[in-house]
Amino acid sequence: MNANSDTNAIKTAELEGLVRRVVREELSRLLREPLRSVLEGAEREGPENPAEDEVLLKDALAVLEEYGDKPESWMSWEDFESELDRAEAAGELPG
């Protein structure tokens, strides 16, 4: 240790308390801030189009009605990405 340096020993319990306090403060700060990704996504939304919104809602409800009570019909996000990659590699997706 350098004799000219200003160092202080800290006990493990003190360090743990400090880390917990900092994490708690940062989490509470983050929770007070708006979710930027949601707001940024809303900024890129197109103009209001109630007719198209209604079509999207009907389509979503139809999918839920068809598959909602059949959990085996749903796939995980990872499986979906794998299937999408496979379809893309096979040229099955519209260009």
PDB file of N, CA and C in Angstrom:
ATOM      1  N   MET A   1       0.853  -1.172   0.000  1.00  0.00           N
ATOM      2  CA  MET A   1       0.000   0.000   0.000  1.00  0.00           C
ATOM      3  C   MET A   1       0.895   1.230   0.000  1.00  0.00           C
ATOM      4  N   ASN A   2       0.569   2.236  -0.768  1.00  0.00           N
ATOM      5  CA  ASN A   2       1.338   3.467  -0.868  1.00  0.00           C
ATOM      6  C   ASN A   2       1.123   4.304   0.389  1.00  0.00           C
ATOM      7  N   ALA A   3       2.206   4.756   1.000  1.00  0.00           N
ATOM      8  CA  ALA A   3       2.105   5.536   2.235  1.00  0.00           C
ATOM      9  C   ALA A   3       1.460   6.888   2.003  1.00  0.00           C
ATOM     10  N   ASN A   4       1.489   7.387   0.768  1.00  0.00           N
ATOM     11  CA  ASN A   4       0.916   8.699   0.458  1.00  0.00           C
ATOM     12  C   ASN A   4      -0.561   8.637   0.085  1.00  0.00           C
ATOM     13  N   SER A   5      -1.110   7.452  -0.070  1.00  0.00           N
ATOM     14  CA  SER A   5      -2.506   7.352  -0.506  1.00  0.00           C
ATOM     15  C   SER A   5      -3.454   7.486   0.674  1.00  0.00           C
ATOM     16  N   ASP A   6      -4.613   8.012   0.379  1.00  0.00           N
ATOM     17  CA  ASP A   6      -5.661   8.107   1.397  1.00  0.00           C
ATOM     18  C   ASP A   6      -6.572   6.899   1.246  1.00  0.00           C
ATOM     19  N   THR A   7      -6.413   5.934   2.084  1.00  0.00           N
ATOM     20  CA  THR A   7      -7.269   4.753   2.038  1.00  0.00           C
ATOM     21  C   THR A   7      -7.882   4.544   3.402  1.00  0.00           C
ATOM     22  N   ASN A   8      -9.080   4.054   3.370  1.00  0.00           N
ATOM     23  CA  ASN A   8      -9.790   3.734   4.601  1.00  0.00           C
ATOM     24  C   ASN A   8     -10.274   2.301   4.504  1.00  0.00           C
ATOM     25  N   ALA A   9     -10.124   1.574   5.562  1.00  0.00           N
ATOM     26  CA  ALA A   9     -10.644   0.213   5.600  1.00  0.00           C
ATOM     27  C   ALA A   9     -12.152   0.285   5.810  1.00  0.00           C
ATOM     28  N   ILE A  10     -12.853  -0.638   5.175  1.00  0.00           N
ATOM     29  CA  ILE A  10     -14.303  -0.693   5.333  1.00  0.00           C
ATOM     30  C   ILE A  10     -14.678  -2.134   5.649  1.00  0.00           C
ATOM     31  N   LYS A  11     -15.545  -2.292   6.596  1.00  0.00           N
ATOM     32  CA  LYS A  11     -15.986  -3.626   6.989  1.00  0.00           C
ATOM     33  C   LYS A  11     -16.951  -4.166   5.944  1.00  0.00           C
ATOM     34  N   THR A  12     -16.987  -5.469   5.837  1.00  0.00           N
ATOM     35  CA  THR A  12     -17.869  -6.126   4.875  1.00  0.00           C
ATOM     36  C   THR A  12     -19.319  -5.706   5.078  1.00  0.00           C
ATOM     37  N   ALA A  13     -19.759  -5.641   6.305  1.00  0.00           N
ATOM     38  CA  ALA A  13     -21.149  -5.258   6.590  1.00  0.00           C
ATOM     39  C   ALA A  13     -21.419  -3.822   6.146  1.00  0.00           C
ATOM     40  N   GLU A  14     -20.436  -2.938   6.326  1.00  0.00           N
ATOM     41  CA  GLU A  14     -20.607  -1.548   5.888  1.00  0.00           C
ATOM     42  C   GLU A  14     -20.684  -1.466   4.372  1.00  0.00           C
ATOM     43  N   LEU A  15     -19.814  -2.236   3.693  1.00  0.00           N
ATOM     44  CA  LEU A  15     -19.830  -2.256   2.232  1.00  0.00           C
ATOM     45  C   LEU A  15     -21.160  -2.798   1.722  1.00  0.00           C
ATOM     46  N   GLU A  16     -21.629  -3.865   2.339  1.00  0.00           N
ATOM     47  CA  GLU A  16     -22.909  -4.445   1.939  1.00  0.00           C
ATOM     48  C   GLU A  16     -24.037  -3.434   2.125  1.00  0.00           C
ATOM     49  N   GLY A  17     -24.039  -2.735   3.241  1.00  0.00           N
ATOM     50  CA  GLY A  17     -25.061  -1.716   3.488  1.00  0.00           C
ATOM     51  C   GLY A  17     -24.998  -0.596   2.471  1.00  0.00           C
ATOM     52  N   LEU A  18     -23.787  -0.177   2.120  1.00  0.00           N
ATOM     53  CA  LEU A  18     -23.609   0.880   1.125  1.00  0.00           C
ATOM     54  C   LEU A  18     -24.127   0.438  -0.240  1.00  0.00           C
ATOM     55  N   VAL A  19     -23.764  -0.777  -0.638  1.00  0.00           N
ATOM     56  CA  VAL A  19     -24.224  -1.298  -1.930  1.00  0.00           C
ATOM     57  C   VAL A  19     -25.743  -1.396  -1.949  1.00  0.00           C
ATOM     58  N   ARG A  20     -26.330  -1.908  -0.886  1.00  0.00           N
ATOM     59  CA  ARG A  20     -27.791  -2.019  -0.822  1.00  0.00           C
ATOM     60  C   ARG A  20     -28.454  -0.645  -0.941  1.00  0.00           C
ATOM     61  N   ARG A  21     -27.901   0.355  -0.234  1.00  0.00           N
ATOM     62  CA  ARG A  21     -28.479   1.697  -0.280  1.00  0.00           C
ATOM     63  C   ARG A  21     -28.394   2.289  -1.686  1.00  0.00           C
ATOM     64  N   VAL A  22     -27.240   2.123  -2.335  1.00  0.00           N
ATOM     65  CA  VAL A  22     -27.064   2.658  -3.688  1.00  0.00           C
ATOM     66  C   VAL A  22     -28.016   1.974  -4.658  1.00  0.00           C
ATOM     67  N   VAL A  23     -28.122   0.661  -4.569  1.00  0.00           N
ATOM     68  CA  VAL A  23     -29.033  -0.067  -5.461  1.00  0.00           C
ATOM     69  C   VAL A  23     -30.470   0.373  -5.220  1.00  0.00           C
ATOM     70  N   ARG A  24     -30.865   0.496  -3.965  1.00  0.00           N
ATOM     71  CA  ARG A  24     -32.225   0.931  -3.630  1.00  0.00           C
ATOM     72  C   ARG A  24     -32.495   2.331  -4.187  1.00  0.00           C
ATOM     73  N   GLU A  25     -31.533   3.241  -4.020  1.00  0.00           N
ATOM     74  CA  GLU A  25     -31.699   4.604  -4.537  1.00  0.00           C
ATOM     75  C   GLU A  25     -31.806   4.612  -6.055  1.00  0.00           C
ATOM     76  N   GLU A  26     -30.975   3.827  -6.719  1.00  0.00           N
ATOM     77  CA  GLU A  26     -31.006   3.790  -8.184  1.00  0.00           C
ATOM     78  C   GLU A  26     -32.310   3.183  -8.692  1.00  0.00           C
ATOM     79  N   LEU A  27     -32.772   2.123  -8.049  1.00  0.00           N
ATOM     80  CA  LEU A  27     -34.041   1.524  -8.469  1.00  0.00           C
ATOM     81  C   LEU A  27     -35.201   2.489  -8.263  1.00  0.00           C
ATOM     82  N   SER A  28     -35.219   3.183  -7.143  1.00  0.00           N
ATOM     83  CA  SER A  28     -36.317   4.125  -6.909  1.00  0.00           C
ATOM     84  C   SER A  28     -36.241   5.289  -7.893  1.00  0.00           C
ATOM     85  N   ARG A  29     -35.033   5.709  -8.262  1.00  0.00           N
ATOM     86  CA  ARG A  29     -34.887   6.772  -9.263  1.00  0.00           C
ATOM     87  C   ARG A  29     -35.402   6.300 -10.618  1.00  0.00           C
ATOM     88  N   LEU A  30     -35.047   5.080 -10.990  1.00  0.00           N
ATOM     89  CA  LEU A  30     -35.501   4.539 -12.271  1.00  0.00           C
ATOM     90  C   LEU A  30     -37.018   4.400 -12.314  1.00  0.00           C
ATOM     91  N   LEU A  31     -37.608   4.021 -11.189  1.00  0.00           N
ATOM     92  CA  LEU A  31     -39.058   3.850 -11.155  1.00  0.00           C
ATOM     93  C   LEU A  31     -39.794   5.181 -11.236  1.00  0.00           C
ATOM     94  N   ARG A  32     -39.145   6.253 -10.835  1.00  0.00           N
ATOM     95  CA  ARG A  32     -39.770   7.577 -10.929  1.00  0.00           C
ATOM     96  C   ARG A  32     -39.709   8.140 -12.343  1.00  0.00           C
ATOM     97  N   GLU A  33     -38.746   7.676 -13.144  1.00  0.00           N
ATOM     98  CA  GLU A  33     -38.592   8.180 -14.505  1.00  0.00           C
ATOM     99  C   GLU A  33     -39.553   7.440 -15.431  1.00  0.00           C
ATOM    100  N   PRO A  34     -40.054   8.129 -16.461  1.00  0.00           N
ATOM    101  CA  PRO A  34     -40.920   7.442 -17.421  1.00  0.00           C
ATOM    102  C   PRO A  34     -40.117   6.414 -18.216  1.00  0.00           C
ATOM    103  N   LEU A  35     -40.805   5.402 -18.668  1.00  0.00           N
ATOM    104  CA  LEU A  35     -40.156   4.383 -19.478  1.00  0.00           C
ATOM    105  C   LEU A  35     -39.884   4.961 -20.860  1.00  0.00           C
ATOM    106  N   ARG A  36     -38.630   5.253 -21.121  1.00  0.00           N
ATOM    107  CA  ARG A  36     -38.262   5.918 -22.370  1.00  0.00           C
ATOM    108  C   ARG A  36     -38.607   5.081 -23.594  1.00  0.00           C
ATOM    109  N   SER A  37     -38.403   3.795 -23.535  1.00  0.00           N
ATOM    110  CA  SER A  37     -38.661   2.974 -24.710  1.00  0.00           C
ATOM    111  C   SER A  37     -40.134   3.022 -25.098  1.00  0.00           C
ATOM    112  N   VAL A  38     -41.011   3.059 -24.108  1.00  0.00           N
ATOM    113  CA  VAL A  38     -42.441   3.144 -24.397  1.00  0.00           C
ATOM    114  C   VAL A  38     -42.760   4.498 -25.010  1.00  0.00           C
ATOM    115  N   LEU A  39     -42.211   5.551 -24.424  1.00  0.00           N
ATOM    116  CA  LEU A  39     -42.468   6.888 -24.948  1.00  0.00           C
ATOM    117  C   LEU A  39     -41.880   7.062 -26.337  1.00  0.00           C
ATOM    118  N   GLU A  40     -40.674   6.547 -26.564  1.00  0.00           N
ATOM    119  CA  GLU A  40     -40.060   6.665 -27.878  1.00  0.00           C
ATOM    120  C   GLU A  40     -40.865   5.892 -28.913  1.00  0.00           C
ATOM    121  N   GLY A  41     -41.388   4.739 -28.526  1.00  0.00           N
ATOM    122  CA  GLY A  41     -42.217   3.966 -29.442  1.00  0.00           C
ATOM    123  C   GLY A  41     -43.478   4.720 -29.813  1.00  0.00           C
ATOM    124  N   ALA A  42     -44.061   5.412 -28.847  1.00  0.00           N
ATOM    125  CA  ALA A  42     -45.273   6.183 -29.110  1.00  0.00           C
ATOM    126  C   ALA A  42     -44.987   7.352 -30.039  1.00  0.00           C
ATOM    127  N   GLU A  43     -43.779   7.907 -29.956  1.00  0.00           N
ATOM    128  CA  GLU A  43     -43.425   9.020 -30.832  1.00  0.00           C
ATOM    129  C   GLU A  43     -43.361   8.578 -32.287  1.00  0.00           C
ATOM    130  N   ARG A  44     -43.066   7.312 -32.529  1.00  0.00           N
ATOM    131  CA  ARG A  44     -42.965   6.815 -33.901  1.00  0.00           C
ATOM    132  C   ARG A  44     -44.296   6.277 -34.423  1.00  0.00           C
ATOM    133  N   GLU A  45     -45.315   6.334 -33.604  1.00  0.00           N
ATOM    134  CA  GLU A  45     -46.624   5.875 -34.039  1.00  0.00           C
ATOM    135  C   GLU A  45     -47.115   6.735 -35.194  1.00  0.00           C
ATOM    136  N   GLY A  46     -47.850   6.131 -36.058  1.00  0.00           N
ATOM    137  CA  GLY A  46     -48.423   6.877 -37.167  1.00  0.00           C
ATOM    138  C   GLY A  46     -49.619   7.680 -36.700  1.00  0.00           C
ATOM    139  N   PRO A  47     -50.293   8.301 -37.645  1.00  0.00           N
ATOM    140  CA  PRO A  47     -51.469   9.095 -37.285  1.00  0.00           C
ATOM    141  C   PRO A  47     -52.581   8.193 -36.737  1.00  0.00           C
ATOM    142  N   GLU A  48     -53.478   8.792 -35.991  1.00  0.00           N
ATOM    143  CA  GLU A  48     -54.616   8.049 -35.452  1.00  0.00           C
ATOM    144  C   GLU A  48     -55.398   7.425 -36.604  1.00  0.00           C
ATOM    145  N   ASN A  49     -55.716   6.159 -36.470  1.00  0.00           N
ATOM    146  CA  ASN A  49     -56.474   5.459 -37.497  1.00  0.00           C
ATOM    147  C   ASN A  49     -57.400   4.463 -36.799  1.00  0.00           C
ATOM    148  N   PRO A  50     -58.545   4.959 -36.307  1.00  0.00           N
ATOM    149  CA  PRO A  50     -59.454   4.080 -35.556  1.00  0.00           C
ATOM    150  C   PRO A  50     -59.906   2.854 -36.343  1.00  0.00           C
ATOM    151  N   ALA A  51     -60.088   2.995 -37.653  1.00  0.00           N
ATOM    152  CA  ALA A  51     -60.545   1.854 -38.451  1.00  0.00           C
ATOM    153  C   ALA A  51     -59.492   0.747 -38.448  1.00  0.00           C
ATOM    154  N   GLU A  52     -58.235   1.116 -38.639  1.00  0.00           N
ATOM    155  CA  GLU A  52     -57.171   0.109 -38.637  1.00  0.00           C
ATOM    156  C   GLU A  52     -56.968  -0.460 -37.238  1.00  0.00           C
ATOM    157  N   ASP A  53     -57.100   0.385 -36.219  1.00  0.00           N
ATOM    158  CA  ASP A  53     -57.006  -0.099 -34.841  1.00  0.00           C
ATOM    159  C   ASP A  53     -58.074  -1.149 -34.572  1.00  0.00           C
ATOM    160  N   GLU A  54     -59.264  -0.922 -35.083  1.00  0.00           N
ATOM    161  CA  GLU A  54     -60.368  -1.868 -34.901  1.00  0.00           C
ATOM    162  C   GLU A  54     -60.054  -3.199 -35.581  1.00  0.00           C
ATOM    163  N   VAL A  55     -59.471  -3.150 -36.775  1.00  0.00           N
ATOM    164  CA  VAL A  55     -59.099  -4.374 -37.487  1.00  0.00           C
ATOM    165  C   VAL A  55     -58.040  -5.143 -36.693  1.00  0.00           C
ATOM    166  N   LEU A  56     -57.030  -4.422 -36.193  1.00  0.00           N
ATOM    167  CA  LEU A  56     -55.985  -5.069 -35.396  1.00  0.00           C
ATOM    168  C   LEU A  56     -56.562  -5.706 -34.135  1.00  0.00           C
ATOM    169  N   LEU A  57     -57.470  -5.005 -33.481  1.00  0.00           N
ATOM    170  CA  LEU A  57     -58.099  -5.537 -32.277  1.00  0.00           C
ATOM    171  C   LEU A  57     -58.904  -6.789 -32.591  1.00  0.00           C
ATOM    172  N   LYS A  58     -59.676  -6.761 -33.671  1.00  0.00           N
ATOM    173  CA  LYS A  58     -60.460  -7.941 -34.057  1.00  0.00           C
ATOM    174  C   LYS A  58     -59.550  -9.124 -34.359  1.00  0.00           C
ATOM    175  N   ASP A  59     -58.440  -8.863 -35.073  1.00  0.00           N
ATOM    176  CA  ASP A  59     -57.491  -9.938 -35.378  1.00  0.00           C
ATOM    177  C   ASP A  59     -56.895 -10.522 -34.102  1.00  0.00           C
ATOM    178  N   ALA A  60     -56.506  -9.650 -33.173  1.00  0.00           N
ATOM    179  CA  ALA A  60     -55.917 -10.114 -31.914  1.00  0.00           C
ATOM    180  C   ALA A  60     -56.926 -10.929 -31.116  1.00  0.00           C
ATOM    181  N   LEU A  61     -58.168 -10.472 -31.069  1.00  0.00           N
ATOM    182  CA  LEU A  61     -59.199 -11.209 -30.338  1.00  0.00           C
ATOM    183  C   LEU A  61     -59.485 -12.555 -30.988  1.00  0.00           C
ATOM    184  N   ALA A  62     -59.437 -12.609 -32.320  1.00  0.00           N
ATOM    185  CA  ALA A  62     -59.648 -13.875 -33.022  1.00  0.00           C
ATOM    186  C   ALA A  62     -58.535 -14.868 -32.681  1.00  0.00           C
ATOM    187  N   VAL A  63     -57.296 -14.392 -32.631  1.00  0.00           N
ATOM    188  CA  VAL A  63     -56.177 -15.265 -32.273  1.00  0.00           C
ATOM    189  C   VAL A  63     -56.339 -15.759 -30.839  1.00  0.00           C
ATOM    190  N   LEU A  64     -56.702 -14.854 -29.930  1.00  0.00           N
ATOM    191  CA  LEU A  64     -56.910 -15.264 -28.541  1.00  0.00           C
ATOM    192  C   LEU A  64     -58.040 -16.270 -28.422  1.00  0.00           C
ATOM    193  N   GLU A  65     -59.101 -16.050 -29.170  1.00  0.00           N
ATOM    194  CA  GLU A  65     -60.235 -16.977 -29.111  1.00  0.00           C
ATOM    195  C   GLU A  65     -59.835 -18.346 -29.651  1.00  0.00           C
ATOM    196  N   GLU A  66     -59.032 -18.358 -30.707  1.00  0.00           N
ATOM    197  CA  GLU A  66     -58.637 -19.626 -31.312  1.00  0.00           C
ATOM    198  C   GLU A  66     -57.609 -20.379 -30.467  1.00  0.00           C
ATOM    199  N   TYR A  67     -56.638 -19.658 -29.912  1.00  0.00           N
ATOM    200  CA  TYR A  67     -55.525 -20.314 -29.234  1.00  0.00           C
ATOM    201  C   TYR A  67     -55.467 -20.082 -27.733  1.00  0.00           C
ATOM    202  N   GLY A  68     -56.251 -19.157 -27.218  1.00  0.00           N
ATOM    203  CA  GLY A  68     -56.135 -18.762 -25.818  1.00  0.00           C
ATOM    204  C   GLY A  68     -56.301 -19.878 -24.816  1.00  0.00           C
ATOM    205  N   ASP A  69     -57.196 -20.824 -25.089  1.00  0.00           N
ATOM    206  CA  ASP A  69     -57.423 -21.901 -24.125  1.00  0.00           C
ATOM    207  C   ASP A  69     -56.598 -23.143 -24.446  1.00  0.00           C
ATOM    208  N   LYS A  70     -55.649 -23.000 -25.357  1.00  0.00           N
ATOM    209  CA  LYS A  70     -54.789 -24.121 -25.738  1.00  0.00           C
ATOM    210  C   LYS A  70     -53.331 -23.707 -25.558  1.00  0.00           C
ATOM    211  N   PRO A  71     -52.825 -23.757 -24.345  1.00  0.00           N
ATOM    212  CA  PRO A  71     -51.455 -23.297 -24.111  1.00  0.00           C
ATOM    213  C   PRO A  71     -50.422 -24.018 -24.965  1.00  0.00           C
ATOM    214  N   GLU A  72     -50.729 -25.252 -25.374  1.00  0.00           N
ATOM    215  CA  GLU A  72     -49.777 -25.984 -26.208  1.00  0.00           C
ATOM    216  C   GLU A  72     -49.639 -25.362 -27.599  1.00  0.00           C
ATOM    217  N   SER A  73     -50.586 -24.500 -27.974  1.00  0.00           N
ATOM    218  CA  SER A  73     -50.534 -23.841 -29.278  1.00  0.00           C
ATOM    219  C   SER A  73     -49.598 -22.641 -29.286  1.00  0.00           C
ATOM    220  N   TRP A  74     -49.244 -22.154 -28.112  1.00  0.00           N
ATOM    221  CA  TRP A  74     -48.360 -20.995 -28.020  1.00  0.00           C
ATOM    222  C   TRP A  74     -46.921 -21.476 -28.010  1.00  0.00           C
ATOM    223  N   MET A  75     -46.006 -20.621 -28.425  1.00  0.00           N
ATOM    224  CA  MET A  75     -44.589 -20.975 -28.378  1.00  0.00           C
ATOM    225  C   MET A  75     -43.816 -19.903 -27.630  1.00  0.00           C
ATOM    226  N   SER A  76     -42.680 -20.293 -27.121  1.00  0.00           N
ATOM    227  CA  SER A  76     -41.840 -19.339 -26.400  1.00  0.00           C
ATOM    228  C   SER A  76     -41.228 -18.358 -27.392  1.00  0.00           C
ATOM    229  N   TRP A  77     -40.728 -17.249 -26.858  1.00  0.00           N
ATOM    230  CA  TRP A  77     -40.090 -16.242 -27.712  1.00  0.00           C
ATOM    231  C   TRP A  77     -38.877 -16.851 -28.418  1.00  0.00           C
ATOM    232  N   GLU A  78     -38.115 -17.678 -27.717  1.00  0.00           N
ATOM    233  CA  GLU A  78     -36.936 -18.307 -28.306  1.00  0.00           C
ATOM    234  C   GLU A  78     -37.338 -19.230 -29.455  1.00  0.00           C
ATOM    235  N   ASP A  79     -38.408 -20.012 -29.263  1.00  0.00           N
ATOM    236  CA  ASP A  79     -38.887 -20.893 -30.329  1.00  0.00           C
ATOM    237  C   ASP A  79     -39.378 -20.081 -31.516  1.00  0.00           C
ATOM    238  N   PHE A  80     -40.052 -18.969 -31.241  1.00  0.00           N
ATOM    239  CA  PHE A  80     -40.531 -18.107 -32.317  1.00  0.00           C
ATOM    240  C   PHE A  80     -39.356 -17.564 -33.130  1.00  0.00           C
ATOM    241  N   GLU A  81     -38.317 -17.087 -32.429  1.00  0.00           N
ATOM    242  CA  GLU A  81     -37.150 -16.554 -33.140  1.00  0.00           C
ATOM    243  C   GLU A  81     -36.476 -17.641 -33.972  1.00  0.00           C
ATOM    244  N   SER A  82     -36.394 -18.852 -33.438  1.00  0.00           N
ATOM    245  CA  SER A  82     -35.800 -19.965 -34.186  1.00  0.00           C
ATOM    246  C   SER A  82     -36.609 -20.271 -35.435  1.00  0.00           C
ATOM    247  N   GLU A  83     -37.918 -20.301 -35.289  1.00  0.00           N
ATOM    248  CA  GLU A  83     -38.788 -20.563 -36.437  1.00  0.00           C
ATOM    249  C   GLU A  83     -38.675 -19.448 -37.470  1.00  0.00           C
ATOM    250  N   LEU A  84     -38.597 -18.217 -37.009  1.00  0.00           N
ATOM    251  CA  LEU A  84     -38.445 -17.080 -37.915  1.00  0.00           C
ATOM    252  C   LEU A  84     -37.116 -17.170 -38.665  1.00  0.00           C
ATOM    253  N   ASP A  85     -36.042 -17.495 -37.958  1.00  0.00           N
ATOM    254  CA  ASP A  85     -34.729 -17.659 -38.602  1.00  0.00           C
ATOM    255  C   ASP A  85     -34.772 -18.769 -39.646  1.00  0.00           C
ATOM    256  N   ARG A  86     -35.427 -19.887 -39.302  1.00  0.00           N
ATOM    257  CA  ARG A  86     -35.529 -21.006 -40.236  1.00  0.00           C
ATOM    258  C   ARG A  86     -36.298 -20.605 -41.485  1.00  0.00           C
ATOM    259  N   ALA A  87     -37.445 -19.918 -41.294  1.00  0.00           N
ATOM    260  CA  ALA A  87     -38.266 -19.495 -42.429  1.00  0.00           C
ATOM    261  C   ALA A  87     -37.516 -18.486 -43.294  1.00  0.00           C
ATOM    262  N   GLU A  88     -36.761 -17.606 -42.661  1.00  0.00           N
ATOM    263  CA  GLU A  88     -35.988 -16.619 -43.417  1.00  0.00           C
ATOM    264  C   GLU A  88     -34.901 -17.305 -44.245  1.00  0.00           C
ATOM    265  N   ALA A  89     -34.210 -18.275 -43.640  1.00  0.00           N
ATOM    266  CA  ALA A  89     -33.154 -19.001 -44.347  1.00  0.00           C
ATOM    267  C   ALA A  89     -33.718 -19.811 -45.510  1.00  0.00           C
ATOM    268  N   ALA A  90     -34.944 -20.295 -45.358  1.00  0.00           N
ATOM    269  CA  ALA A  90     -35.582 -21.089 -46.410  1.00  0.00           C
ATOM    270  C   ALA A  90     -36.254 -20.216 -47.463  1.00  0.00           C
ATOM    271  N   GLY A  91     -36.215 -18.893 -47.285  1.00  0.00           N
ATOM    272  CA  GLY A  91     -36.832 -17.984 -48.254  1.00  0.00           C
ATOM    273  C   GLY A  91     -38.347 -18.002 -48.216  1.00  0.00           C
ATOM    274  N   GLU A  92     -38.923 -18.355 -47.066  1.00  0.00           N
ATOM    275  CA  GLU A  92     -40.372 -18.462 -46.944  1.00  0.00           C
ATOM    276  C   GLU A  92     -41.047 -17.158 -46.537  1.00  0.00           C
ATOM    277  N   LEU A  93     -40.258 -16.133 -46.232  1.00  0.00           N
ATOM    278  CA  LEU A  93     -40.837 -14.861 -45.795  1.00  0.00           C
ATOM    279  C   LEU A  93     -40.990 -13.914 -46.979  1.00  0.00           C
ATOM    280  N   PRO A  94     -42.037 -13.096 -46.947  1.00  0.00           N
ATOM    281  CA  PRO A  94     -42.195 -12.127 -48.037  1.00  0.00           C
ATOM    282  C   PRO A  94     -41.049 -11.122 -48.017  1.00  0.00           C
ATOM    283  N   GLY A  95     -40.623 -10.703 -49.182  1.00  0.00           N
ATOM    284  CA  GLY A  95     -39.473  -9.788 -49.290  1.00  0.00           C
ATOM    285  C   GLY A  95     -39.879  -8.398 -49.242  1.00  0.00           C
TER     286      GLY A  95
END
